[in-house]
Amino acid sequence: MARDLWGLREITTNNRSKLLQALLAEFLGIFMLNLFGCLAATCGNPAVISLTFGLEVFVIISFS
């Protein structure tokens, strides 16, 4: 019951490719968020930082 609630059944099946695909997607999403977020923070303009994070989240969600 808890496996269905938290979605653990999807990654604990015998299909290792789904697990690797999920881990790769998570890694790339976090990498993009940190890379572009830190680059935007160097400019110091709060509007640019906010727009960058907003666009990043939009792109990550649209690809997933």
Protein backbone atom coordinates (compact mmCIF):
# COMPACT_ATOMS: atom_id res chain seq x y z
CA MET A 1 0.00 0.00 0.00
CA ALA A 2 2.77 2.46 0.88
CA ARG A 3 4.64 1.47 -2.29
CA ASP A 4 1.67 2.52 -4.40
CA LEU A 5 1.21 5.73 -2.45
CA TRP A 6 4.83 6.88 -2.80
CA GLY A 7 5.43 5.42 -6.26
CA LEU A 8 8.08 2.97 -5.06
CA ARG A 9 6.67 0.14 -7.13
CA GLU A 10 7.78 1.90 -10.32
CA ILE A 11 11.46 1.82 -9.42
CA THR A 12 11.61 -1.47 -7.53
CA THR A 13 10.51 -3.67 -10.41
CA ASN A 14 12.94 -5.92 -12.26
CA ASN A 15 13.26 -3.37 -15.05
CA ARG A 16 16.58 -1.66 -14.30
CA SER A 17 16.34 0.67 -17.29
CA LYS A 18 13.44 2.57 -15.70
CA LEU A 19 15.47 3.08 -12.54
CA LEU A 20 18.51 4.29 -14.46
CA GLN A 21 16.34 6.55 -16.60
CA ALA A 22 14.74 8.07 -13.50
CA LEU A 23 18.11 8.62 -11.84
CA LEU A 24 19.58 10.21 -14.96
CA ALA A 25 16.61 12.54 -15.32
CA GLU A 26 16.86 13.56 -11.67
CA PHE A 27 20.59 14.20 -11.99
CA LEU A 28 20.24 16.30 -15.14
CA GLY A 29 17.38 18.33 -13.69
CA ILE A 30 19.25 19.17 -10.50
CA PHE A 31 22.44 19.85 -12.46
CA MET A 32 20.66 22.31 -14.75
CA LEU A 33 18.92 24.01 -11.84
CA ASN A 34 22.18 24.50 -9.95
CA LEU A 35 24.30 25.47 -12.94
CA PHE A 36 22.01 28.10 -14.43
CA GLY A 37 20.78 29.28 -11.03
CA CYS A 38 24.30 29.95 -9.80
CA LEU A 39 25.23 31.64 -13.07
CA ALA A 40 22.20 33.92 -12.78
CA ALA A 41 23.04 34.72 -9.16
CA THR A 42 26.39 36.15 -10.21
CA CYS A 43 24.73 39.07 -12.01
CA GLY A 44 23.07 40.26 -8.80
CA ASN A 45 19.85 41.43 -10.44
CA PRO A 46 16.86 39.90 -8.61
CA ALA A 47 14.65 40.06 -11.70
CA VAL A 48 17.13 38.07 -13.77
CA ILE A 49 17.56 35.51 -11.01
CA SER A 50 13.78 35.05 -10.68
CA LEU A 51 13.26 34.76 -14.42
CA THR A 52 16.09 32.25 -14.72
CA PHE A 53 14.71 29.97 -12.02
CA GLY A 54 11.20 30.26 -13.44
CA LEU A 55 12.34 29.37 -16.96
CA GLU A 56 14.43 26.49 -15.64
CA VAL A 57 11.47 24.97 -13.83
CA PHE A 58 9.31 25.43 -16.92
CA VAL A 59 11.84 23.70 -19.17
CA ILE A 60 12.44 20.84 -16.74
CA ILE A 61 8.69 20.23 -16.33
CA SER A 62 8.02 20.44 -20.06
CA PHE A 63 10.64 17.76 -20.80
CA SER A 64 9.46 15.41 -18.06
